[in-house]
Amino acid sequence: MKQSQASKFIYGINLKSSIFNLQLLDPNPTVFFVEVQFQEDEFIYHRLFAEIFVFLQQNPQYTHWQAVVIFPSKSLEPEDVGVYSLLLESTQVQRFYLNKLEQVQ
């Protein structure tokens, strides 16, 4: 069953004589795009946003999206983000630099 179809149904599960109704709260779930970039690529944002918008054009049922871009360090991110600066500054795109994350113990 496709995700869009699954979100339209309510499922009842009989578990130990109790019925639990499970339903997806959001009929229009957020689509996440994740790019992990460990090599220098000055065209990463050209490619990433082209792929995102082609996907959205081909799948108009998705209207909510988020992008996550992971770099080992800021030095691998292109310096000139050009026409993508507004998207990169929006809440829809998150950039993470692994060397800036705190150590998890």
PDB file of N, CA and C in Angstrom:
ATOM      1  N   MET A   1       0.852  -1.170   0.000  1.00  0.00           N
ATOM      2  CA  MET A   1       0.000   0.000   0.000  1.00  0.00           C
ATOM      3  C   MET A   1       0.896   1.232   0.000  1.00  0.00           C
ATOM      4  N   LYS A   2       0.594   2.178  -0.830  1.00  0.00           N
ATOM      5  CA  LYS A   2       1.376   3.406  -0.901  1.00  0.00           C
ATOM      6  C   LYS A   2       1.173   4.228   0.362  1.00  0.00           C
ATOM      7  N   GLN A   3       2.195   5.031   0.696  1.00  0.00           N
ATOM      8  CA  GLN A   3       2.122   5.877   1.888  1.00  0.00           C
ATOM      9  C   GLN A   3       0.904   6.788   1.835  1.00  0.00           C
ATOM     10  N   SER A   4       0.618   7.367   0.663  1.00  0.00           N
ATOM     11  CA  SER A   4      -0.517   8.283   0.572  1.00  0.00           C
ATOM     12  C   SER A   4      -1.831   7.551   0.794  1.00  0.00           C
ATOM     13  N   GLN A   5      -1.902   6.287   0.366  1.00  0.00           N
ATOM     14  CA  GLN A   5      -3.105   5.502   0.602  1.00  0.00           C
ATOM     15  C   GLN A   5      -3.204   5.103   2.069  1.00  0.00           C
ATOM     16  N   ALA A   6      -2.075   4.732   2.657  1.00  0.00           N
ATOM     17  CA  ALA A   6      -2.077   4.288   4.047  1.00  0.00           C
ATOM     18  C   ALA A   6      -2.535   5.391   4.983  1.00  0.00           C
ATOM     19  N   SER A   7      -2.231   6.622   4.650  1.00  0.00           N
ATOM     20  CA  SER A   7      -2.584   7.712   5.544  1.00  0.00           C
ATOM     21  C   SER A   7      -4.075   8.014   5.544  1.00  0.00           C
ATOM     22  N   LYS A   8      -4.822   7.410   4.637  1.00  0.00           N
ATOM     23  CA  LYS A   8      -6.255   7.675   4.554  1.00  0.00           C
ATOM     24  C   LYS A   8      -7.083   6.666   5.346  1.00  0.00           C
ATOM     25  N   PHE A   9      -6.433   5.632   5.892  1.00  0.00           N
ATOM     26  CA  PHE A   9      -7.160   4.582   6.580  1.00  0.00           C
ATOM     27  C   PHE A   9      -6.915   4.628   8.080  1.00  0.00           C
ATOM     28  N   ILE A  10      -7.896   4.128   8.819  1.00  0.00           N
ATOM     29  CA  ILE A  10      -7.758   3.931  10.257  1.00  0.00           C
ATOM     30  C   ILE A  10      -7.663   2.427  10.465  1.00  0.00           C
ATOM     31  N   TYR A  11      -6.657   1.998  11.216  1.00  0.00           N
ATOM     32  CA  TYR A  11      -6.453   0.579  11.448  1.00  0.00           C
ATOM     33  C   TYR A  11      -6.865   0.233  12.866  1.00  0.00           C
ATOM     34  N   GLY A  12      -7.596  -0.859  13.023  1.00  0.00           N
ATOM     35  CA  GLY A  12      -7.931  -1.359  14.348  1.00  0.00           C
ATOM     36  C   GLY A  12      -7.121  -2.615  14.621  1.00  0.00           C
ATOM     37  N   ILE A  13      -6.475  -2.675  15.770  1.00  0.00           N
ATOM     38  CA  ILE A  13      -5.677  -3.832  16.132  1.00  0.00           C
ATOM     39  C   ILE A  13      -6.248  -4.401  17.418  1.00  0.00           C
ATOM     40  N   ASN A  14      -6.580  -5.691  17.405  1.00  0.00           N
ATOM     41  CA  ASN A  14      -7.088  -6.350  18.592  1.00  0.00           C
ATOM     42  C   ASN A  14      -5.899  -6.941  19.332  1.00  0.00           C
ATOM     43  N   LEU A  15      -5.575  -6.371  20.480  1.00  0.00           N
ATOM     44  CA  LEU A  15      -4.422  -6.795  21.250  1.00  0.00           C
ATOM     45  C   LEU A  15      -4.849  -6.991  22.693  1.00  0.00           C
ATOM     46  N   LYS A  16      -4.854  -8.252  23.156  1.00  0.00           N
ATOM     47  CA  LYS A  16      -5.247  -8.595  24.523  1.00  0.00           C
ATOM     48  C   LYS A  16      -6.605  -7.995  24.879  1.00  0.00           C
ATOM     49  N   SER A  17      -7.568  -8.226  24.023  1.00  0.00           N
ATOM     50  CA  SER A  17      -8.954  -7.798  24.224  1.00  0.00           C
ATOM     51  C   SER A  17      -9.140  -6.289  24.252  1.00  0.00           C
ATOM     52  N   SER A  18      -8.144  -5.557  23.891  1.00  0.00           N
ATOM     53  CA  SER A  18      -8.287  -4.108  23.784  1.00  0.00           C
ATOM     54  C   SER A  18      -8.100  -3.725  22.329  1.00  0.00           C
ATOM     55  N   ILE A  19      -8.884  -2.803  21.869  1.00  0.00           N
ATOM     56  CA  ILE A  19      -8.765  -2.349  20.489  1.00  0.00           C
ATOM     57  C   ILE A  19      -8.087  -0.991  20.493  1.00  0.00           C
ATOM     58  N   PHE A  20      -7.023  -0.915  19.737  1.00  0.00           N
ATOM     59  CA  PHE A  20      -6.307   0.340  19.591  1.00  0.00           C
ATOM     60  C   PHE A  20      -6.513   0.826  18.172  1.00  0.00           C
ATOM     61  N   ASN A  21      -6.958   2.032  18.022  1.00  0.00           N
ATOM     62  CA  ASN A  21      -7.085   2.617  16.695  1.00  0.00           C
ATOM     63  C   ASN A  21      -5.835   3.428  16.403  1.00  0.00           C
ATOM     64  N   LEU A  22      -5.179   3.055  15.326  1.00  0.00           N
ATOM     65  CA  LEU A  22      -3.984   3.769  14.905  1.00  0.00           C
ATOM     66  C   LEU A  22      -4.321   4.536  13.644  1.00  0.00           C
ATOM     67  N   GLN A  23      -4.047   5.781  13.644  1.00  0.00           N
ATOM     68  CA  GLN A  23      -4.253   6.545  12.424  1.00  0.00           C
ATOM     69  C   GLN A  23      -3.134   7.564  12.297  1.00  0.00           C
ATOM     70  N   LEU A  24      -2.750   7.791  11.088  1.00  0.00           N
ATOM     71  CA  LEU A  24      -1.749   8.817  10.849  1.00  0.00           C
ATOM     72  C   LEU A  24      -2.411  10.168  11.048  1.00  0.00           C
ATOM     73  N   LEU A  25      -1.812  10.994  11.840  1.00  0.00           N
ATOM     74  CA  LEU A  25      -2.414  12.277  12.166  1.00  0.00           C
ATOM     75  C   LEU A  25      -2.346  13.255  11.014  1.00  0.00           C
ATOM     76  N   ASP A  26      -1.337  13.128  10.200  1.00  0.00           N
ATOM     77  CA  ASP A  26      -1.148  14.067   9.105  1.00  0.00           C
ATOM     78  C   ASP A  26      -1.417  13.363   7.783  1.00  0.00           C
ATOM     79  N   PRO A  27      -2.504  13.700   7.095  1.00  0.00           N
ATOM     80  CA  PRO A  27      -2.782  13.055   5.813  1.00  0.00           C
ATOM     81  C   PRO A  27      -1.814  13.489   4.718  1.00  0.00           C
ATOM     82  N   ASN A  28      -1.002  14.493   4.992  1.00  0.00           N
ATOM     83  CA  ASN A  28      -0.023  14.980   4.021  1.00  0.00           C
ATOM     84  C   ASN A  28       1.341  15.028   4.708  1.00  0.00           C
ATOM     85  N   PRO A  29       1.994  13.863   4.829  1.00  0.00           N
ATOM     86  CA  PRO A  29       3.242  13.814   5.598  1.00  0.00           C
ATOM     87  C   PRO A  29       4.374  14.595   4.943  1.00  0.00           C
ATOM     88  N   THR A  30       5.329  14.949   5.753  1.00  0.00           N
ATOM     89  CA  THR A  30       6.510  15.650   5.267  1.00  0.00           C
ATOM     90  C   THR A  30       7.457  14.656   4.605  1.00  0.00           C
ATOM     91  N   VAL A  31       7.973  15.020   3.454  1.00  0.00           N
ATOM     92  CA  VAL A  31       8.971  14.217   2.752  1.00  0.00           C
ATOM     93  C   VAL A  31      10.334  14.775   3.126  1.00  0.00           C
ATOM     94  N   PHE A  32      11.245  13.893   3.520  1.00  0.00           N
ATOM     95  CA  PHE A  32      12.593  14.310   3.893  1.00  0.00           C
ATOM     96  C   PHE A  32      13.581  13.906   2.813  1.00  0.00           C
ATOM     97  N   PHE A  33      14.446  14.836   2.473  1.00  0.00           N
ATOM     98  CA  PHE A  33      15.538  14.587   1.539  1.00  0.00           C
ATOM     99  C   PHE A  33      16.825  14.734   2.339  1.00  0.00           C
ATOM    100  N   VAL A  34      17.668  13.719   2.294  1.00  0.00           N
ATOM    101  CA  VAL A  34      18.918  13.751   3.053  1.00  0.00           C
ATOM    102  C   VAL A  34      20.080  13.590   2.089  1.00  0.00           C
ATOM    103  N   GLU A  35      21.014  14.510   2.168  1.00  0.00           N
ATOM    104  CA  GLU A  35      22.225  14.473   1.344  1.00  0.00           C
ATOM    105  C   GLU A  35      23.418  14.436   2.287  1.00  0.00           C
ATOM    106  N   VAL A  36      24.235  13.396   2.155  1.00  0.00           N
ATOM    107  CA  VAL A  36      25.462  13.280   2.935  1.00  0.00           C
ATOM    108  C   VAL A  36      26.611  13.519   1.976  1.00  0.00           C
ATOM    109  N   GLN A  37      27.391  14.557   2.239  1.00  0.00           N
ATOM    110  CA  GLN A  37      28.418  14.995   1.288  1.00  0.00           C
ATOM    111  C   GLN A  37      29.792  14.976   1.947  1.00  0.00           C
ATOM    112  N   PHE A  38      30.619  14.004   1.559  1.00  0.00           N
ATOM    113  CA  PHE A  38      31.947  13.873   2.148  1.00  0.00           C
ATOM    114  C   PHE A  38      33.058  14.157   1.145  1.00  0.00           C
ATOM    115  N   GLN A  39      32.702  14.740   0.030  1.00  0.00           N
ATOM    116  CA  GLN A  39      33.724  15.163  -0.930  1.00  0.00           C
ATOM    117  C   GLN A  39      33.336  16.526  -1.477  1.00  0.00           C
ATOM    118  N   GLU A  40      34.309  17.239  -1.969  1.00  0.00           N
ATOM    119  CA  GLU A  40      34.053  18.582  -2.481  1.00  0.00           C
ATOM    120  C   GLU A  40      33.191  18.501  -3.739  1.00  0.00           C
ATOM    121  N   ASP A  41      32.141  19.306  -3.768  1.00  0.00           N
ATOM    122  CA  ASP A  41      31.235  19.340  -4.921  1.00  0.00           C
ATOM    123  C   ASP A  41      30.616  20.731  -4.983  1.00  0.00           C
ATOM    124  N   GLU A  42      31.113  21.553  -5.882  1.00  0.00           N
ATOM    125  CA  GLU A  42      30.614  22.926  -5.960  1.00  0.00           C
ATOM    126  C   GLU A  42      29.183  22.998  -6.477  1.00  0.00           C
ATOM    127  N   PHE A  43      28.689  21.898  -7.053  1.00  0.00           N
ATOM    128  CA  PHE A  43      27.333  21.887  -7.602  1.00  0.00           C
ATOM    129  C   PHE A  43      26.348  21.105  -6.742  1.00  0.00           C
ATOM    130  N   ILE A  44      26.690  20.836  -5.500  1.00  0.00           N
ATOM    131  CA  ILE A  44      25.813  20.035  -4.646  1.00  0.00           C
ATOM    132  C   ILE A  44      24.416  20.639  -4.536  1.00  0.00           C
ATOM    133  N   TYR A  45      24.325  21.943  -4.348  1.00  0.00           N
ATOM    134  CA  TYR A  45      23.010  22.554  -4.177  1.00  0.00           C
ATOM    135  C   TYR A  45      22.249  22.626  -5.497  1.00  0.00           C
ATOM    136  N   HIS A  46      22.938  22.789  -6.595  1.00  0.00           N
ATOM    137  CA  HIS A  46      22.269  22.751  -7.905  1.00  0.00           C
ATOM    138  C   HIS A  46      21.574  21.399  -8.077  1.00  0.00           C
ATOM    139  N   ARG A  47      22.320  20.344  -7.809  1.00  0.00           N
ATOM    140  CA  ARG A  47      21.786  18.992  -7.978  1.00  0.00           C
ATOM    141  C   ARG A  47      20.693  18.685  -6.948  1.00  0.00           C
ATOM    142  N   LEU A  48      20.961  19.005  -5.690  1.00  0.00           N
ATOM    143  CA  LEU A  48      20.005  18.694  -4.628  1.00  0.00           C
ATOM    144  C   LEU A  48      18.652  19.345  -4.875  1.00  0.00           C
ATOM    145  N   PHE A  49      18.650  20.650  -5.141  1.00  0.00           N
ATOM    146  CA  PHE A  49      17.370  21.331  -5.322  1.00  0.00           C
ATOM    147  C   PHE A  49      16.701  20.946  -6.636  1.00  0.00           C
ATOM    148  N   ALA A  50      17.472  20.634  -7.660  1.00  0.00           N
ATOM    149  CA  ALA A  50      16.878  20.136  -8.907  1.00  0.00           C
ATOM    150  C   ALA A  50      16.159  18.820  -8.641  1.00  0.00           C
ATOM    151  N   GLU A  51      16.807  17.911  -7.911  1.00  0.00           N
ATOM    152  CA  GLU A  51      16.187  16.620  -7.608  1.00  0.00           C
ATOM    153  C   GLU A  51      14.951  16.785  -6.732  1.00  0.00           C
ATOM    154  N   ILE A  52      15.020  17.671  -5.762  1.00  0.00           N
ATOM    155  CA  ILE A  52      13.862  17.901  -4.892  1.00  0.00           C
ATOM    156  C   ILE A  52      12.678  18.402  -5.704  1.00  0.00           C
ATOM    157  N   PHE A  53      12.907  19.406  -6.542  1.00  0.00           N
ATOM    158  CA  PHE A  53      11.785  19.995  -7.266  1.00  0.00           C
ATOM    159  C   PHE A  53      11.269  19.102  -8.385  1.00  0.00           C
ATOM    160  N   VAL A  54      12.107  18.265  -8.953  1.00  0.00           N
ATOM    161  CA  VAL A  54      11.618  17.267  -9.917  1.00  0.00           C
ATOM    162  C   VAL A  54      10.727  16.268  -9.186  1.00  0.00           C
ATOM    163  N   PHE A  55      11.166  15.806  -8.009  1.00  0.00           N
ATOM    164  CA  PHE A  55      10.351  14.884  -7.221  1.00  0.00           C
ATOM    165  C   PHE A  55       9.000  15.508  -6.881  1.00  0.00           C
ATOM    166  N   LEU A  56       9.014  16.753  -6.417  1.00  0.00           N
ATOM    167  CA  LEU A  56       7.764  17.416  -6.044  1.00  0.00           C
ATOM    168  C   LEU A  56       6.855  17.635  -7.248  1.00  0.00           C
ATOM    169  N   GLN A  57       7.445  17.898  -8.406  1.00  0.00           N
ATOM    170  CA  GLN A  57       6.644  18.072  -9.623  1.00  0.00           C
ATOM    171  C   GLN A  57       5.998  16.747 -10.018  1.00  0.00           C
ATOM    172  N   GLN A  58       6.711  15.649  -9.835  1.00  0.00           N
ATOM    173  CA  GLN A  58       6.194  14.334 -10.203  1.00  0.00           C
ATOM    174  C   GLN A  58       5.271  13.751  -9.138  1.00  0.00           C
ATOM    175  N   ASN A  59       5.296  14.293  -7.943  1.00  0.00           N
ATOM    176  CA  ASN A  59       4.491  13.797  -6.826  1.00  0.00           C
ATOM    177  C   ASN A  59       3.764  14.958  -6.164  1.00  0.00           C
ATOM    178  N   PRO A  60       2.786  15.534  -6.841  1.00  0.00           N
ATOM    179  CA  PRO A  60       2.132  16.745  -6.321  1.00  0.00           C
ATOM    180  C   PRO A  60       1.349  16.527  -5.030  1.00  0.00           C
ATOM    181  N   GLN A  61       1.153  15.275  -4.641  1.00  0.00           N
ATOM    182  CA  GLN A  61       0.437  15.031  -3.386  1.00  0.00           C
ATOM    183  C   GLN A  61       1.262  15.444  -2.172  1.00  0.00           C
ATOM    184  N   TYR A  62       2.573  15.579  -2.354  1.00  0.00           N
ATOM    185  CA  TYR A  62       3.440  16.012  -1.255  1.00  0.00           C
ATOM    186  C   TYR A  62       3.634  17.521  -1.332  1.00  0.00           C
ATOM    187  N   THR A  63       3.195  18.202  -0.307  1.00  0.00           N
ATOM    188  CA  THR A  63       3.339  19.657  -0.287  1.00  0.00           C
ATOM    189  C   THR A  63       4.254  20.129   0.838  1.00  0.00           C
ATOM    190  N   HIS A  64       4.623  19.216   1.722  1.00  0.00           N
ATOM    191  CA  HIS A  64       5.525  19.551   2.827  1.00  0.00           C
ATOM    192  C   HIS A  64       6.828  18.790   2.629  1.00  0.00           C
ATOM    193  N   TRP A  65       7.926  19.522   2.676  1.00  0.00           N
ATOM    194  CA  TRP A  65       9.220  18.865   2.509  1.00  0.00           C
ATOM    195  C   TRP A  65      10.268  19.518   3.382  1.00  0.00           C
ATOM    196  N   GLN A  66      11.286  18.737   3.699  1.00  0.00           N
ATOM    197  CA  GLN A  66      12.442  19.193   4.464  1.00  0.00           C
ATOM    198  C   GLN A  66      13.679  18.577   3.828  1.00  0.00           C
ATOM    199  N   ALA A  67      14.761  19.315   3.841  1.00  0.00           N
ATOM    200  CA  ALA A  67      16.035  18.789   3.346  1.00  0.00           C
ATOM    201  C   ALA A  67      17.073  18.891   4.452  1.00  0.00           C
ATOM    202  N   VAL A  68      17.896  17.862   4.546  1.00  0.00           N
ATOM    203  CA  VAL A  68      18.994  17.825   5.505  1.00  0.00           C
ATOM    204  C   VAL A  68      20.259  17.552   4.713  1.00  0.00           C
ATOM    205  N   VAL A  69      21.264  18.392   4.914  1.00  0.00           N
ATOM    206  CA  VAL A  69      22.552  18.211   4.246  1.00  0.00           C
ATOM    207  C   VAL A  69      23.606  18.043   5.334  1.00  0.00           C
ATOM    208  N   ILE A  70      24.374  16.965   5.230  1.00  0.00           N
ATOM    209  CA  ILE A  70      25.385  16.656   6.236  1.00  0.00           C
ATOM    210  C   ILE A  70      26.768  16.716   5.594  1.00  0.00           C
ATOM    211  N   PHE A  71      27.627  17.524   6.191  1.00  0.00           N
ATOM    212  CA  PHE A  71      29.023  17.650   5.766  1.00  0.00           C
ATOM    213  C   PHE A  71      29.911  17.212   6.930  1.00  0.00           C
ATOM    214  N   PRO A  72      31.102  16.694   6.663  1.00  0.00           N
ATOM    215  CA  PRO A  72      32.015  16.406   7.774  1.00  0.00           C
ATOM    216  C   PRO A  72      32.503  17.700   8.433  1.00  0.00           C
ATOM    217  N   SER A  73      32.642  18.755   7.622  1.00  0.00           N
ATOM    218  CA  SER A  73      33.035  20.068   8.141  1.00  0.00           C
ATOM    219  C   SER A  73      32.566  21.143   7.164  1.00  0.00           C
ATOM    220  N   LYS A  74      32.502  22.354   7.638  1.00  0.00           N
ATOM    221  CA  LYS A  74      32.036  23.464   6.803  1.00  0.00           C
ATOM    222  C   LYS A  74      32.949  23.704   5.599  1.00  0.00           C
ATOM    223  N   SER A  75      34.183  23.268   5.680  1.00  0.00           N
ATOM    224  CA  SER A  75      35.137  23.494   4.585  1.00  0.00           C
ATOM    225  C   SER A  75      34.728  22.794   3.287  1.00  0.00           C
ATOM    226  N   LEU A  76      33.877  21.772   3.363  1.00  0.00           N
ATOM    227  CA  LEU A  76      33.427  21.086   2.148  1.00  0.00           C
ATOM    228  C   LEU A  76      32.166  21.701   1.547  1.00  0.00           C
ATOM    229  N   GLU A  77      31.554  22.624   2.255  1.00  0.00           N
ATOM    230  CA  GLU A  77      30.368  23.288   1.708  1.00  0.00           C
ATOM    231  C   GLU A  77      30.821  24.345   0.701  1.00  0.00           C
ATOM    232  N   PRO A  78      30.147  24.432  -0.447  1.00  0.00           N
ATOM    233  CA  PRO A  78      30.525  25.461  -1.426  1.00  0.00           C
ATOM    234  C   PRO A  78      30.426  26.857  -0.819  1.00  0.00           C
ATOM    235  N   GLU A  79      31.375  27.701  -1.163  1.00  0.00           N
ATOM    236  CA  GLU A  79      31.355  29.078  -0.656  1.00  0.00           C
ATOM    237  C   GLU A  79      30.279  29.904  -1.335  1.00  0.00           C
ATOM    238  N   ASP A  80      30.108  29.707  -2.633  1.00  0.00           N
ATOM    239  CA  ASP A  80      29.122  30.472  -3.398  1.00  0.00           C
ATOM    240  C   ASP A  80      27.841  29.654  -3.521  1.00  0.00           C
ATOM    241  N   VAL A  81      26.833  30.019  -2.729  1.00  0.00           N
ATOM    242  CA  VAL A  81      25.562  29.301  -2.778  1.00  0.00           C
ATOM    243  C   VAL A  81      24.583  29.967  -3.734  1.00  0.00           C
ATOM    244  N   GLY A  82      24.955  31.138  -4.225  1.00  0.00           N
ATOM    245  CA  GLY A  82      24.215  31.815  -5.285  1.00  0.00           C
ATOM    246  C   GLY A  82      22.724  31.890  -5.084  1.00  0.00           C
ATOM    247  N   VAL A  83      22.000  31.403  -6.074  1.00  0.00           N
ATOM    248  CA  VAL A  83      20.542  31.541  -6.103  1.00  0.00           C
ATOM    249  C   VAL A  83      19.847  30.713  -5.028  1.00  0.00           C
ATOM    250  N   TYR A  84      20.589  29.864  -4.327  1.00  0.00           N
ATOM    251  CA  TYR A  84      19.976  28.993  -3.326  1.00  0.00           C
ATOM    252  C   TYR A  84      20.044  29.561  -1.915  1.00  0.00           C
ATOM    253  N   SER A  85      20.554  30.763  -1.763  1.00  0.00           N
ATOM    254  CA  SER A  85      20.745  31.315  -0.420  1.00  0.00           C
ATOM    255  C   SER A  85      19.433  31.429   0.357  1.00  0.00           C
ATOM    256  N   LEU A  86      18.347  31.814  -0.293  1.00  0.00           N
ATOM    257  CA  LEU A  86      17.061  31.918   0.419  1.00  0.00           C
ATOM    258  C   LEU A  86      16.570  30.556   0.892  1.00  0.00           C
ATOM    259  N   LEU A  87      16.718  29.541   0.058  1.00  0.00           N
ATOM    260  CA  LEU A  87      16.326  28.191   0.474  1.00  0.00           C
ATOM    261  C   LEU A  87      17.198  27.706   1.625  1.00  0.00           C
ATOM    262  N   LEU A  88      18.490  27.953   1.531  1.00  0.00           N
ATOM    263  CA  LEU A  88      19.408  27.490   2.573  1.00  0.00           C
ATOM    264  C   LEU A  88      19.177  28.198   3.901  1.00  0.00           C
ATOM    265  N   GLU A  89      18.659  29.400   3.863  1.00  0.00           N
ATOM    266  CA  GLU A  89      18.372  30.144   5.090  1.00  0.00           C
ATOM    267  C   GLU A  89      16.972  29.865   5.623  1.00  0.00           C
ATOM    268  N   SER A  90      16.173  29.141   4.864  1.00  0.00           N
ATOM    269  CA  SER A  90      14.803  28.848   5.288  1.00  0.00           C
ATOM    270  C   SER A  90      14.796  27.722   6.319  1.00  0.00           C
ATOM    271  N   THR A  91      13.641  27.539   6.937  1.00  0.00           N
ATOM    272  CA  THR A  91      13.494  26.455   7.914  1.00  0.00           C
ATOM    273  C   THR A  91      13.335  25.099   7.239  1.00  0.00           C
ATOM    274  N   GLN A  92      13.200  25.066   5.932  1.00  0.00           N
ATOM    275  CA  GLN A  92      13.032  23.797   5.220  1.00  0.00           C
ATOM    276  C   GLN A  92      14.348  23.081   4.964  1.00  0.00           C
ATOM    277  N   VAL A  93      15.449  23.770   5.126  1.00  0.00           N
ATOM    278  CA  VAL A  93      16.757  23.168   4.858  1.00  0.00           C
ATOM    279  C   VAL A  93      17.626  23.301   6.105  1.00  0.00           C
ATOM    280  N   GLN A  94      18.130  22.178   6.561  1.00  0.00           N
ATOM    281  CA  GLN A  94      19.027  22.156   7.715  1.00  0.00           C
ATOM    282  C   GLN A  94      20.383  21.630   7.261  1.00  0.00           C
ATOM    283  N   ARG A  95      21.438  22.316   7.655  1.00  0.00           N
ATOM    284  CA  ARG A  95      22.800  21.869   7.344  1.00  0.00           C
ATOM    285  C   ARG A  95      23.505  21.513   8.645  1.00  0.00           C
ATOM    286  N   PHE A  96      24.176  20.370   8.625  1.00  0.00           N
ATOM    287  CA  PHE A  96      24.907  19.909   9.799  1.00  0.00           C
ATOM    288  C   PHE A  96      26.360  19.664   9.420  1.00  0.00           C
ATOM    289  N   TYR A  97      27.241  20.040  10.337  1.00  0.00           N
ATOM    290  CA  TYR A  97      28.676  19.825  10.172  1.00  0.00           C
ATOM    291  C   TYR A  97      29.100  18.900  11.311  1.00  0.00           C
ATOM    292  N   LEU A  98      29.511  17.694  10.961  1.00  0.00           N
ATOM    293  CA  LEU A  98      29.787  16.686  11.979  1.00  0.00           C
ATOM    294  C   LEU A  98      30.852  17.121  12.974  1.00  0.00           C
ATOM    295  N   ASN A  99      31.836  17.874  12.529  1.00  0.00           N
ATOM    296  CA  ASN A  99      32.887  18.303  13.454  1.00  0.00           C
ATOM    297  C   ASN A  99      32.396  19.361  14.451  1.00  0.00           C
ATOM    298  N   LYS A 100      31.200  19.897  14.236  1.00  0.00           N
ATOM    299  CA  LYS A 100      30.635  20.896  15.148  1.00  0.00           C
ATOM    300  C   LYS A 100      29.648  20.287  16.146  1.00  0.00           C
ATOM    301  N   LEU A 101      29.271  19.030  15.926  1.00  0.00           N
ATOM    302  CA  LEU A 101      28.328  18.384  16.838  1.00  0.00           C
ATOM    303  C   LEU A 101      29.061  17.960  18.104  1.00  0.00           C
ATOM    304  N   GLU A 102      28.373  18.046  19.216  1.00  0.00           N
ATOM    305  CA  GLU A 102      28.968  17.624  20.481  1.00  0.00           C
ATOM    306  C   GLU A 102      29.107  16.108  20.498  1.00  0.00           C
ATOM    307  N   GLN A 103      30.108  15.653  21.202  1.00  0.00           N
ATOM    308  CA  GLN A 103      30.316  14.214  21.338  1.00  0.00           C
ATOM    309  C   GLN A 103      29.177  13.614  22.154  1.00  0.00           C
ATOM    310  N   VAL A 104      28.614  12.522  21.661  1.00  0.00           N
ATOM    311  CA  VAL A 104      27.560  11.811  22.380  1.00  0.00           C
ATOM    312  C   VAL A 104      28.208  10.634  23.094  1.00  0.00           C
ATOM    313  N   GLN A 105      27.973  10.541  24.394  1.00  0.00           N
ATOM    314  CA  GLN A 105      28.587   9.445  25.159  1.00  0.00           C
ATOM    315  C   GLN A 105      27.554   8.462  25.603  1.00  0.00           C
TER     316      GLN A 105
END
